[in-house]
Amino acid sequence: MINYIRTVWKRDGIAYLFLLPWFIGFFALTVGPMISSLYLSFTYYDVLSPPKFIGFDNYKKMFTDDPRLFTSLRVTFLYVFTSVPLRLLFALFVAILLNKGLRGLGIYRTVYYIPSLLGGSVAIAVLWRKIFGGNGVVNAILLELIGWKAPDWIANPKYALYSIVALSVWQFGASMIIFLAGLKQIPQELYEAAEVDGAGKIHRFFAITLPLLTPVVFFNLVMGMIGAFQAFTSSFIISNGTGGPIDSTLFYTLYLYLKGFSFFEMGYASAMAWLLLVIIGVFTAAVFGSSKYWVNYMDGGR
């Protein structure tokens, strides 16, 4: 065993030294907190006193005695299943437009990518709340163009969530860049052959572009879905940390935050965090499982 360790050290020792900062961060900032939260999920812990082991009571409470949790799940699912497809469609549409060989393509890519860098910031969420407020820019434009005095989108429970969806769609830049890279990998010979055969633009899109772009769609779908389930800042800022009006923007992560840091139910919040991990894992596994039916690769594999 000692000889094996010496052999490995001689062969890979320098590499492990370079990886040491990452290993320290991984175990100290990821694995350690995960193990702690797993233990706390089986305790009553109010932050101010030592944890008290209560078994599965937190998990039982989630499913039997917390209707607001199901409200947060409903809001989160609606947000995920609305924002992710819309962002993918919009990103793909813009990527196709930019793939036409426009002059100054780098400038366009930068401009469209900037919202992805800024969209998760507190300042943008505050600005978004002002834009969609009763006296915001959106309502002023609607009043000027069509004479419609629109409602306060943020304060109306029917529309508040969709203003956050709009913010998510606005952050399409990262997906757009990946789509654009995927489009550049499609051989032009395929389009030329299809055009010779009389295929129109729409037919070429559905017969060539979309099938060969499915690996990129798959990647963007998985990453976008995971990110949407963890969305927090926009809901917290736009609703002033309440999830209102009438819990219409109560994301699961926001409710988890309120339970842990406002109501000091840290044990219960830890159990909620593990439930979220399971939910994300199930949906991610479902997407991976379905990929063999719709994801096509250049080599013909699935």
C-alpha atoms as a PDB file:
ATOM      1  CA  MET A   1       0.000   0.000   0.000  1.00  0.00           C
ATOM      2  CA  ILE A   2       2.830   2.365   0.920  1.00  0.00           C
ATOM      3  CA  ASN A   3       4.627   1.576  -2.330  1.00  0.00           C
ATOM      4  CA  TYR A   4       1.416   2.270  -4.267  1.00  0.00           C
ATOM      5  CA  ILE A   5       1.009   5.667  -2.566  1.00  0.00           C
ATOM      6  CA  ARG A   6       4.625   6.513  -3.360  1.00  0.00           C
ATOM      7  CA  THR A   7       4.114   5.531  -6.986  1.00  0.00           C
ATOM      8  CA  VAL A   8       0.975   7.659  -7.271  1.00  0.00           C
ATOM      9  CA  TRP A   9       2.689  10.578  -5.579  1.00  0.00           C
ATOM     10  CA  LYS A  10       5.677  10.431  -7.913  1.00  0.00           C
ATOM     11  CA  ARG A  11       3.393  10.252 -10.925  1.00  0.00           C
ATOM     12  CA  ASP A  12       0.613  12.700  -9.956  1.00  0.00           C
ATOM     13  CA  GLY A  13       1.866  14.515  -6.862  1.00  0.00           C
ATOM     14  CA  ILE A  14       2.350  17.896  -8.559  1.00  0.00           C
ATOM     15  CA  ALA A  15      -1.158  17.721 -10.037  1.00  0.00           C
ATOM     16  CA  TYR A  16      -2.679  17.033  -6.625  1.00  0.00           C
ATOM     17  CA  LEU A  17      -0.772  19.980  -5.163  1.00  0.00           C
ATOM     18  CA  PHE A  18      -2.289  22.271  -7.771  1.00  0.00           C
ATOM     19  CA  LEU A  19      -5.734  20.771  -7.059  1.00  0.00           C
ATOM     20  CA  LEU A  20      -5.341  21.129  -3.286  1.00  0.00           C
ATOM     21  CA  PRO A  21      -7.020  24.593  -3.045  1.00  0.00           C
ATOM     22  CA  TRP A  22     -10.016  23.217  -4.940  1.00  0.00           C
ATOM     23  CA  PHE A  23     -10.215  20.141  -2.716  1.00  0.00           C
ATOM     24  CA  ILE A  24     -10.064  22.323   0.408  1.00  0.00           C
ATOM     25  CA  GLY A  25     -12.826  24.564  -0.904  1.00  0.00           C
ATOM     26  CA  PHE A  26     -14.928  21.615  -2.052  1.00  0.00           C
ATOM     27  CA  PHE A  27     -14.845  19.773   1.260  1.00  0.00           C
ATOM     28  CA  ALA A  28     -14.972  22.881   3.478  1.00  0.00           C
ATOM     29  CA  LEU A  29     -17.590  24.866   1.562  1.00  0.00           C
ATOM     30  CA  THR A  30     -19.683  22.173  -0.158  1.00  0.00           C
ATOM     31  CA  VAL A  31     -19.400  18.709   1.374  1.00  0.00           C
ATOM     32  CA  GLY A  32     -19.131  19.958   4.969  1.00  0.00           C
ATOM     33  CA  PRO A  33     -22.215  22.221   4.834  1.00  0.00           C
ATOM     34  CA  MET A  34     -24.185  19.485   3.045  1.00  0.00           C
ATOM     35  CA  ILE A  35     -23.451  16.968   5.799  1.00  0.00           C
ATOM     36  CA  SER A  36     -24.311  19.570   8.451  1.00  0.00           C
ATOM     37  CA  SER A  37     -27.611  20.462   6.764  1.00  0.00           C
ATOM     38  CA  LEU A  38     -28.502  16.777   6.447  1.00  0.00           C
ATOM     39  CA  TYR A  39     -28.016  16.340  10.179  1.00  0.00           C
ATOM     40  CA  LEU A  40     -29.886  19.573  10.989  1.00  0.00           C
ATOM     41  CA  SER A  41     -32.830  18.412   8.882  1.00  0.00           C
ATOM     42  CA  PHE A  42     -33.506  15.789  11.554  1.00  0.00           C
ATOM     43  CA  THR A  43     -33.364  18.327  14.389  1.00  0.00           C
ATOM     44  CA  TYR A  44     -35.252  21.231  15.859  1.00  0.00           C
ATOM     45  CA  TYR A  45     -32.763  24.075  15.570  1.00  0.00           C
ATOM     46  CA  ASP A  46     -33.638  27.713  16.162  1.00  0.00           C
ATOM     47  CA  VAL A  47     -30.038  28.982  15.700  1.00  0.00           C
ATOM     48  CA  LEU A  48     -30.000  30.372  19.245  1.00  0.00           C
ATOM     49  CA  SER A  49     -29.921  27.020  21.072  1.00  0.00           C
ATOM     50  CA  PRO A  50     -28.232  23.676  20.373  1.00  0.00           C
ATOM     51  CA  PRO A  51     -29.948  21.373  17.833  1.00  0.00           C
ATOM     52  CA  LYS A  52     -32.436  18.897  19.295  1.00  0.00           C
ATOM     53  CA  PHE A  53     -32.865  15.607  17.449  1.00  0.00           C
ATOM     54  CA  ILE A  54     -36.510  15.009  16.429  1.00  0.00           C
ATOM     55  CA  GLY A  55     -36.175  12.354  13.743  1.00  0.00           C
ATOM     56  CA  PHE A  56     -38.398  12.722  10.675  1.00  0.00           C
ATOM     57  CA  ASP A  57     -40.728  15.320  12.238  1.00  0.00           C
ATOM     58  CA  ASN A  58     -39.555  18.098   9.900  1.00  0.00           C
ATOM     59  CA  TYR A  59     -40.289  15.965   6.855  1.00  0.00           C
ATOM     60  CA  LYS A  60     -43.681  14.923   8.212  1.00  0.00           C
ATOM     61  CA  LYS A  61     -44.555  18.554   8.844  1.00  0.00           C
ATOM     62  CA  MET A  62     -43.660  19.504   5.262  1.00  0.00           C
ATOM     63  CA  PHE A  63     -46.167  17.089   3.772  1.00  0.00           C
ATOM     64  CA  THR A  64     -48.928  17.208   6.390  1.00  0.00           C
ATOM     65  CA  ASP A  65     -48.927  20.568   8.152  1.00  0.00           C
ATOM     66  CA  ASP A  66     -47.533  23.289   5.889  1.00  0.00           C
ATOM     67  CA  PRO A  67     -49.900  24.401   3.128  1.00  0.00           C
ATOM     68  CA  ARG A  68     -47.663  27.373   2.346  1.00  0.00           C
ATOM     69  CA  LEU A  69     -44.936  24.967   1.255  1.00  0.00           C
ATOM     70  CA  PHE A  70     -47.236  23.551  -1.418  1.00  0.00           C
ATOM     71  CA  THR A  71     -48.037  27.115  -2.502  1.00  0.00           C
ATOM     72  CA  SER A  72     -44.315  27.791  -2.916  1.00  0.00           C
ATOM     73  CA  LEU A  73     -43.914  24.575  -4.914  1.00  0.00           C
ATOM     74  CA  ARG A  74     -46.814  25.529  -7.193  1.00  0.00           C
ATOM     75  CA  VAL A  75     -45.344  28.995  -7.797  1.00  0.00           C
ATOM     76  CA  THR A  76     -41.889  27.541  -8.431  1.00  0.00           C
ATOM     77  CA  PHE A  77     -43.138  24.897 -10.863  1.00  0.00           C
ATOM     78  CA  LEU A  78     -45.142  27.515 -12.754  1.00  0.00           C
ATOM     79  CA  TYR A  79     -42.083  29.740 -12.942  1.00  0.00           C
ATOM     80  CA  VAL A  80     -39.787  26.919 -14.116  1.00  0.00           C
ATOM     81  CA  PHE A  81     -42.180  25.532 -16.734  1.00  0.00           C
ATOM     82  CA  THR A  82     -42.891  29.023 -18.079  1.00  0.00           C
ATOM     83  CA  SER A  83     -39.559  30.815 -17.952  1.00  0.00           C
ATOM     84  CA  VAL A  84     -37.235  28.029 -19.104  1.00  0.00           C
ATOM     85  CA  PRO A  85     -39.010  27.220 -22.426  1.00  0.00           C
ATOM     86  CA  LEU A  86     -39.546  30.918 -23.201  1.00  0.00           C
ATOM     87  CA  ARG A  87     -35.904  31.751 -22.562  1.00  0.00           C
ATOM     88  CA  LEU A  88     -34.746  28.842 -24.726  1.00  0.00           C
ATOM     89  CA  LEU A  89     -37.043  29.865 -27.585  1.00  0.00           C
ATOM     90  CA  PHE A  90     -35.992  33.500 -27.398  1.00  0.00           C
ATOM     91  CA  ALA A  91     -32.294  32.607 -27.154  1.00  0.00           C
ATOM     92  CA  LEU A  92     -32.551  30.282 -30.151  1.00  0.00           C
ATOM     93  CA  PHE A  93     -34.420  32.915 -32.179  1.00  0.00           C
ATOM     94  CA  VAL A  94     -31.781  35.589 -31.519  1.00  0.00           C
ATOM     95  CA  ALA A  95     -28.950  33.109 -32.144  1.00  0.00           C
ATOM     96  CA  ILE A  96     -30.398  32.253 -35.566  1.00  0.00           C
ATOM     97  CA  LEU A  97     -30.619  35.964 -36.415  1.00  0.00           C
ATOM     98  CA  LEU A  98     -27.014  36.547 -35.353  1.00  0.00           C
ATOM     99  CA  ASN A  99     -25.866  33.525 -37.343  1.00  0.00           C
ATOM    100  CA  LYS A 100     -26.605  35.332 -40.602  1.00  0.00           C
ATOM    101  CA  GLY A 101     -23.107  36.818 -40.809  1.00  0.00           C
ATOM    102  CA  LEU A 102     -23.969  40.307 -39.578  1.00  0.00           C
ATOM    103  CA  ARG A 103     -21.324  42.997 -39.383  1.00  0.00           C
ATOM    104  CA  GLY A 104     -20.179  43.738 -35.870  1.00  0.00           C
ATOM    105  CA  LEU A 105     -21.308  40.327 -34.638  1.00  0.00           C
ATOM    106  CA  GLY A 106     -19.032  40.568 -31.608  1.00  0.00           C
ATOM    107  CA  ILE A 107     -20.729  43.777 -30.510  1.00  0.00           C
ATOM    108  CA  TYR A 108     -24.191  42.225 -30.823  1.00  0.00           C
ATOM    109  CA  ARG A 109     -23.119  39.162 -28.846  1.00  0.00           C
ATOM    110  CA  THR A 110     -21.715  41.365 -26.088  1.00  0.00           C
ATOM    111  CA  VAL A 111     -24.835  43.530 -25.921  1.00  0.00           C
ATOM    112  CA  TYR A 112     -27.145  40.514 -25.742  1.00  0.00           C
ATOM    113  CA  TYR A 113     -24.925  38.765 -23.190  1.00  0.00           C
ATOM    114  CA  ILE A 114     -24.767  41.684 -20.743  1.00  0.00           C
ATOM    115  CA  PRO A 115     -28.257  41.000 -19.246  1.00  0.00           C
ATOM    116  CA  SER A 116     -27.090  37.500 -18.281  1.00  0.00           C
ATOM    117  CA  LEU A 117     -24.274  39.062 -16.267  1.00  0.00           C
ATOM    118  CA  LEU A 118     -26.442  41.710 -14.633  1.00  0.00           C
ATOM    119  CA  GLY A 119     -29.792  39.923 -14.374  1.00  0.00           C
ATOM    120  CA  GLY A 120     -29.093  38.198 -11.064  1.00  0.00           C
ATOM    121  CA  SER A 121     -28.014  41.376  -9.304  1.00  0.00           C
ATOM    122  CA  VAL A 122     -30.003  43.202  -6.668  1.00  0.00           C
ATOM    123  CA  ALA A 123     -29.787  46.472  -8.617  1.00  0.00           C
ATOM    124  CA  ILE A 124     -31.451  44.959 -11.700  1.00  0.00           C
ATOM    125  CA  ALA A 125     -34.229  43.424  -9.581  1.00  0.00           C
ATOM    126  CA  VAL A 126     -34.882  46.840  -8.002  1.00  0.00           C
ATOM    127  CA  LEU A 127     -34.889  48.436 -11.452  1.00  0.00           C
ATOM    128  CA  TRP A 128     -37.284  45.754 -12.718  1.00  0.00           C
ATOM    129  CA  ARG A 129     -39.666  46.522  -9.869  1.00  0.00           C
ATOM    130  CA  LYS A 130     -39.660  50.162 -10.914  1.00  0.00           C
ATOM    131  CA  ILE A 131     -40.141  49.359 -14.604  1.00  0.00           C
ATOM    132  CA  PHE A 132     -43.196  47.159 -13.994  1.00  0.00           C
ATOM    133  CA  GLY A 133     -44.660  49.293 -11.211  1.00  0.00           C
ATOM    134  CA  GLY A 134     -47.921  51.187 -11.525  1.00  0.00           C
ATOM    135  CA  ASN A 135     -46.128  54.315 -12.749  1.00  0.00           C
ATOM    136  CA  GLY A 136     -43.321  52.434 -14.453  1.00  0.00           C
ATOM    137  CA  VAL A 137     -41.949  52.613 -17.969  1.00  0.00           C
ATOM    138  CA  VAL A 138     -44.002  49.668 -19.254  1.00  0.00           C
ATOM    139  CA  ASN A 139     -47.305  51.229 -18.227  1.00  0.00           C
ATOM    140  CA  ALA A 140     -46.248  54.618 -19.577  1.00  0.00           C
ATOM    141  CA  ILE A 141     -45.488  53.081 -22.981  1.00  0.00           C
ATOM    142  CA  LEU A 142     -48.774  51.155 -23.056  1.00  0.00           C
ATOM    143  CA  LEU A 143     -50.690  54.301 -22.140  1.00  0.00           C
ATOM    144  CA  GLU A 144     -48.921  56.329 -24.816  1.00  0.00           C
ATOM    145  CA  LEU A 145     -49.231  53.757 -27.615  1.00  0.00           C
ATOM    146  CA  ILE A 146     -52.675  52.249 -27.142  1.00  0.00           C
ATOM    147  CA  GLY A 147     -54.226  54.388 -24.410  1.00  0.00           C
ATOM    148  CA  TRP A 148     -54.483  51.476 -21.973  1.00  0.00           C
ATOM    149  CA  LYS A 149     -54.009  52.242 -18.310  1.00  0.00           C
ATOM    150  CA  ALA A 150     -52.399  48.952 -17.330  1.00  0.00           C
ATOM    151  CA  PRO A 151     -52.438  47.596 -13.766  1.00  0.00           C
ATOM    152  CA  ASP A 152     -49.524  47.632 -11.376  1.00  0.00           C
ATOM    153  CA  TRP A 153     -47.905  44.407 -12.577  1.00  0.00           C
ATOM    154  CA  ILE A 154     -45.877  43.920  -9.404  1.00  0.00           C
ATOM    155  CA  ALA A 155     -48.757  44.553  -6.986  1.00  0.00           C
ATOM    156  CA  ASN A 156     -51.319  42.444  -8.866  1.00  0.00           C
ATOM    157  CA  PRO A 157     -51.242  38.739  -7.859  1.00  0.00           C
ATOM    158  CA  LYS A 158     -52.427  37.737 -11.345  1.00  0.00           C
ATOM    159  CA  TYR A 159     -49.387  39.245 -13.058  1.00  0.00           C
ATOM    160  CA  ALA A 160     -46.618  39.586 -10.452  1.00  0.00           C
ATOM    161  CA  LEU A 161     -45.043  36.215 -11.217  1.00  0.00           C
ATOM    162  CA  TYR A 162     -44.996  36.898 -14.949  1.00  0.00           C
ATOM    163  CA  SER A 163     -43.012  40.083 -14.426  1.00  0.00           C
ATOM    164  CA  ILE A 164     -40.326  37.873 -12.854  1.00  0.00           C
ATOM    165  CA  VAL A 165     -40.665  35.460 -15.783  1.00  0.00           C
ATOM    166  CA  ALA A 166     -40.013  38.422 -18.105  1.00  0.00           C
ATOM    167  CA  LEU A 167     -36.863  39.206 -16.116  1.00  0.00           C
ATOM    168  CA  SER A 168     -35.716  35.603 -16.543  1.00  0.00           C
ATOM    169  CA  VAL A 169     -36.361  35.634 -20.297  1.00  0.00           C
ATOM    170  CA  TRP A 170     -34.433  38.910 -20.565  1.00  0.00           C
ATOM    171  CA  GLN A 171     -31.374  37.019 -19.290  1.00  0.00           C
ATOM    172  CA  PHE A 172     -31.197  34.856 -22.415  1.00  0.00           C
ATOM    173  CA  GLY A 173     -27.637  35.864 -23.331  1.00  0.00           C
ATOM    174  CA  ALA A 174     -25.758  32.843 -21.980  1.00  0.00           C
ATOM    175  CA  SER A 175     -28.054  30.365 -23.723  1.00  0.00           C
ATOM    176  CA  MET A 176     -27.907  32.440 -26.890  1.00  0.00           C
ATOM    177  CA  ILE A 177     -24.098  32.295 -26.998  1.00  0.00           C
ATOM    178  CA  ILE A 178     -24.178  28.498 -26.634  1.00  0.00           C
ATOM    179  CA  PHE A 179     -26.855  28.181 -29.319  1.00  0.00           C
ATOM    180  CA  LEU A 180     -24.778  30.375 -31.625  1.00  0.00           C
ATOM    181  CA  ALA A 181     -21.735  28.161 -31.091  1.00  0.00           C
ATOM    182  CA  GLY A 182     -23.859  25.099 -31.882  1.00  0.00           C
ATOM    183  CA  LEU A 183     -25.212  26.667 -35.064  1.00  0.00           C
ATOM    184  CA  LYS A 184     -21.678  27.371 -36.274  1.00  0.00           C
ATOM    185  CA  GLN A 185     -20.844  23.652 -35.954  1.00  0.00           C
ATOM    186  CA  ILE A 186     -23.555  22.549 -38.392  1.00  0.00           C
ATOM    187  CA  PRO A 187     -21.983  21.798 -41.807  1.00  0.00           C
ATOM    188  CA  GLN A 188     -23.140  24.211 -44.489  1.00  0.00           C
ATOM    189  CA  GLU A 189     -23.059  21.359 -47.021  1.00  0.00           C
ATOM    190  CA  LEU A 190     -26.238  19.976 -45.463  1.00  0.00           C
ATOM    191  CA  TYR A 191     -28.098  23.224 -46.088  1.00  0.00           C
ATOM    192  CA  GLU A 192     -26.786  23.440 -49.632  1.00  0.00           C
ATOM    193  CA  ALA A 193     -27.865  19.874 -50.399  1.00  0.00           C
ATOM    194  CA  ALA A 194     -31.303  20.476 -48.892  1.00  0.00           C
ATOM    195  CA  GLU A 195     -31.690  23.694 -50.895  1.00  0.00           C
ATOM    196  CA  VAL A 196     -30.805  21.849 -54.093  1.00  0.00           C
ATOM    197  CA  ASP A 197     -33.531  19.328 -53.248  1.00  0.00           C
ATOM    198  CA  GLY A 198     -36.011  22.178 -52.983  1.00  0.00           C
ATOM    199  CA  ALA A 199     -36.321  22.413 -49.204  1.00  0.00           C
ATOM    200  CA  GLY A 200     -37.486  25.807 -47.944  1.00  0.00           C
ATOM    201  CA  LYS A 201     -36.165  27.697 -44.922  1.00  0.00           C
ATOM    202  CA  ILE A 202     -38.762  26.294 -42.542  1.00  0.00           C
ATOM    203  CA  HIS A 203     -38.233  22.743 -43.748  1.00  0.00           C
ATOM    204  CA  ARG A 204     -34.442  23.139 -43.455  1.00  0.00           C
ATOM    205  CA  PHE A 205     -34.837  24.403 -39.911  1.00  0.00           C
ATOM    206  CA  PHE A 206     -36.908  21.426 -38.744  1.00  0.00           C
ATOM    207  CA  ALA A 207     -35.021  18.819 -40.820  1.00  0.00           C
ATOM    208  CA  ILE A 208     -31.441  20.002 -40.249  1.00  0.00           C
ATOM    209  CA  THR A 209     -30.978  22.826 -37.758  1.00  0.00           C
ATOM    210  CA  LEU A 210     -33.192  21.665 -34.936  1.00  0.00           C
ATOM    211  CA  PRO A 211     -32.216  17.943 -34.976  1.00  0.00           C
ATOM    212  CA  LEU A 212     -28.490  18.752 -35.035  1.00  0.00           C
ATOM    213  CA  LEU A 213     -28.958  21.398 -32.363  1.00  0.00           C
ATOM    214  CA  THR A 214     -30.706  19.070 -29.899  1.00  0.00           C
ATOM    215  CA  PRO A 215     -27.507  18.410 -27.855  1.00  0.00           C
ATOM    216  CA  VAL A 216     -27.237  22.156 -27.263  1.00  0.00           C
ATOM    217  CA  VAL A 217     -30.961  22.358 -26.464  1.00  0.00           C
ATOM    218  CA  PHE A 218     -30.464  19.510 -24.002  1.00  0.00           C
ATOM    219  CA  PHE A 219     -27.569  21.279 -22.256  1.00  0.00           C
ATOM    220  CA  ASN A 220     -29.361  24.624 -22.063  1.00  0.00           C
ATOM    221  CA  LEU A 221     -32.537  22.931 -20.849  1.00  0.00           C
ATOM    222  CA  VAL A 222     -30.794  21.118 -17.991  1.00  0.00           C
ATOM    223  CA  MET A 223     -28.777  24.140 -16.878  1.00  0.00           C
ATOM    224  CA  GLY A 224     -31.729  26.512 -17.222  1.00  0.00           C
ATOM    225  CA  MET A 225     -34.046  24.210 -15.294  1.00  0.00           C
ATOM    226  CA  ILE A 226     -31.588  23.765 -12.409  1.00  0.00           C
ATOM    227  CA  GLY A 227     -31.024  27.515 -12.254  1.00  0.00           C
ATOM    228  CA  ALA A 228     -34.758  28.280 -12.348  1.00  0.00           C
ATOM    229  CA  PHE A 229     -35.480  25.943  -9.440  1.00  0.00           C
ATOM    230  CA  GLN A 230     -32.873  27.846  -7.411  1.00  0.00           C
ATOM    231  CA  ALA A 231     -34.034  31.344  -8.396  1.00  0.00           C
ATOM    232  CA  PHE A 232     -34.168  33.631  -5.371  1.00  0.00           C
ATOM    233  CA  THR A 233     -32.933  37.203  -5.808  1.00  0.00           C
ATOM    234  CA  SER A 234     -35.627  38.407  -8.199  1.00  0.00           C
ATOM    235  CA  SER A 235     -38.466  37.133  -6.015  1.00  0.00           C
ATOM    236  CA  PHE A 236     -36.880  38.433  -2.821  1.00  0.00           C
ATOM    237  CA  ILE A 237     -36.285  41.954  -4.137  1.00  0.00           C
ATOM    238  CA  ILE A 238     -39.404  42.413  -6.235  1.00  0.00           C
ATOM    239  CA  SER A 239     -41.712  41.165  -3.451  1.00  0.00           C
ATOM    240  CA  ASN A 240     -39.765  42.948  -0.694  1.00  0.00           C
ATOM    241  CA  GLY A 241     -38.888  39.589   0.819  1.00  0.00           C
ATOM    242  CA  THR A 242     -42.492  38.521   1.425  1.00  0.00           C
ATOM    243  CA  GLY A 243     -43.376  36.492  -1.656  1.00  0.00           C
ATOM    244  CA  GLY A 244     -46.402  38.703  -2.164  1.00  0.00           C
ATOM    245  CA  PRO A 245     -48.838  39.818  -3.210  1.00  0.00           C
ATOM    246  CA  ILE A 246     -50.805  36.936  -1.688  1.00  0.00           C
ATOM    247  CA  ASP A 247     -47.823  34.568  -2.053  1.00  0.00           C
ATOM    248  CA  SER A 248     -47.990  34.864  -5.851  1.00  0.00           C
ATOM    249  CA  THR A 249     -44.184  35.211  -6.058  1.00  0.00           C
ATOM    250  CA  LEU A 250     -43.312  32.934  -3.138  1.00  0.00           C
ATOM    251  CA  PHE A 251     -40.539  30.881  -4.701  1.00  0.00           C
ATOM    252  CA  TYR A 252     -39.522  27.738  -2.849  1.00  0.00           C
ATOM    253  CA  THR A 253     -36.062  29.160  -2.174  1.00  0.00           C
ATOM    254  CA  LEU A 254     -37.588  32.348  -0.749  1.00  0.00           C
ATOM    255  CA  TYR A 255     -39.837  30.349   1.566  1.00  0.00           C
ATOM    256  CA  LEU A 256     -36.813  28.292   2.620  1.00  0.00           C
ATOM    257  CA  TYR A 257     -34.963  31.521   3.393  1.00  0.00           C
ATOM    258  CA  LEU A 258     -37.878  32.890   5.409  1.00  0.00           C
ATOM    259  CA  LYS A 259     -38.139  29.692   7.432  1.00  0.00           C
ATOM    260  CA  GLY A 260     -34.430  29.647   8.200  1.00  0.00           C
ATOM    261  CA  PHE A 261     -33.550  33.305   8.702  1.00  0.00           C
ATOM    262  CA  SER A 262     -36.832  35.056   9.536  1.00  0.00           C
ATOM    263  CA  PHE A 263     -38.630  32.413  11.599  1.00  0.00           C
ATOM    264  CA  PHE A 264     -35.387  30.778  12.838  1.00  0.00           C
ATOM    265  CA  GLU A 265     -36.579  27.281  11.947  1.00  0.00           C
ATOM    266  CA  MET A 266     -33.185  26.254  10.612  1.00  0.00           C
ATOM    267  CA  GLY A 267     -33.799  22.524  11.040  1.00  0.00           C
ATOM    268  CA  TYR A 268     -36.993  22.754   9.004  1.00  0.00           C
ATOM    269  CA  ALA A 269     -35.248  24.913   6.392  1.00  0.00           C
ATOM    270  CA  SER A 270     -32.517  22.273   6.086  1.00  0.00           C
ATOM    271  CA  ALA A 271     -35.163  19.619   5.436  1.00  0.00           C
ATOM    272  CA  MET A 272     -36.673  21.888   2.776  1.00  0.00           C
ATOM    273  CA  ALA A 273     -33.262  22.245   1.157  1.00  0.00           C
ATOM    274  CA  TRP A 274     -32.921  18.475   0.870  1.00  0.00           C
ATOM    275  CA  LEU A 275     -36.396  18.200  -0.587  1.00  0.00           C
ATOM    276  CA  LEU A 276     -35.381  20.765  -3.211  1.00  0.00           C
ATOM    277  CA  LEU A 277     -32.284  18.703  -3.987  1.00  0.00           C
ATOM    278  CA  VAL A 278     -34.463  15.642  -4.542  1.00  0.00           C
ATOM    279  CA  ILE A 279     -36.893  17.590  -6.763  1.00  0.00           C
ATOM    280  CA  ILE A 280     -34.068  18.958  -8.922  1.00  0.00           C
ATOM    281  CA  GLY A 281     -32.516  15.494  -9.092  1.00  0.00           C
ATOM    282  CA  VAL A 282     -35.786  13.880 -10.201  1.00  0.00           C
ATOM    283  CA  PHE A 283     -36.455  16.420 -12.946  1.00  0.00           C
ATOM    284  CA  THR A 284     -32.842  16.338 -14.134  1.00  0.00           C
ATOM    285  CA  ALA A 285     -32.916  12.541 -14.251  1.00  0.00           C
ATOM    286  CA  ALA A 286     -36.189  12.692 -16.188  1.00  0.00           C
ATOM    287  CA  VAL A 287     -34.651  15.005 -18.790  1.00  0.00           C
ATOM    288  CA  PHE A 288     -31.578  12.763 -19.074  1.00  0.00           C
ATOM    289  CA  GLY A 289     -33.801   9.698 -19.377  1.00  0.00           C
ATOM    290  CA  SER A 290     -35.881  11.261 -22.125  1.00  0.00           C
ATOM    291  CA  SER A 291     -32.834  12.486 -24.059  1.00  0.00           C
ATOM    292  CA  LYS A 292     -32.384   9.157 -25.848  1.00  0.00           C
ATOM    293  CA  TYR A 293     -35.675   9.794 -27.634  1.00  0.00           C
ATOM    294  CA  TRP A 294     -34.999  13.303 -28.936  1.00  0.00           C
ATOM    295  CA  VAL A 295     -31.299  14.236 -28.679  1.00  0.00           C
ATOM    296  CA  ASN A 296     -29.356  13.524 -31.886  1.00  0.00           C
ATOM    297  CA  TYR A 297     -25.588  13.690 -32.287  1.00  0.00           C
ATOM    298  CA  MET A 298     -23.518  14.252 -35.409  1.00  0.00           C
ATOM    299  CA  ASP A 299     -22.192  10.675 -35.305  1.00  0.00           C
ATOM    300  CA  GLY A 300     -25.759   9.324 -35.378  1.00  0.00           C
ATOM    301  CA  GLY A 301     -25.772   8.303 -31.721  1.00  0.00           C
ATOM    302  CA  ARG A 302     -28.296   9.160 -29.052  1.00  0.00           C
END
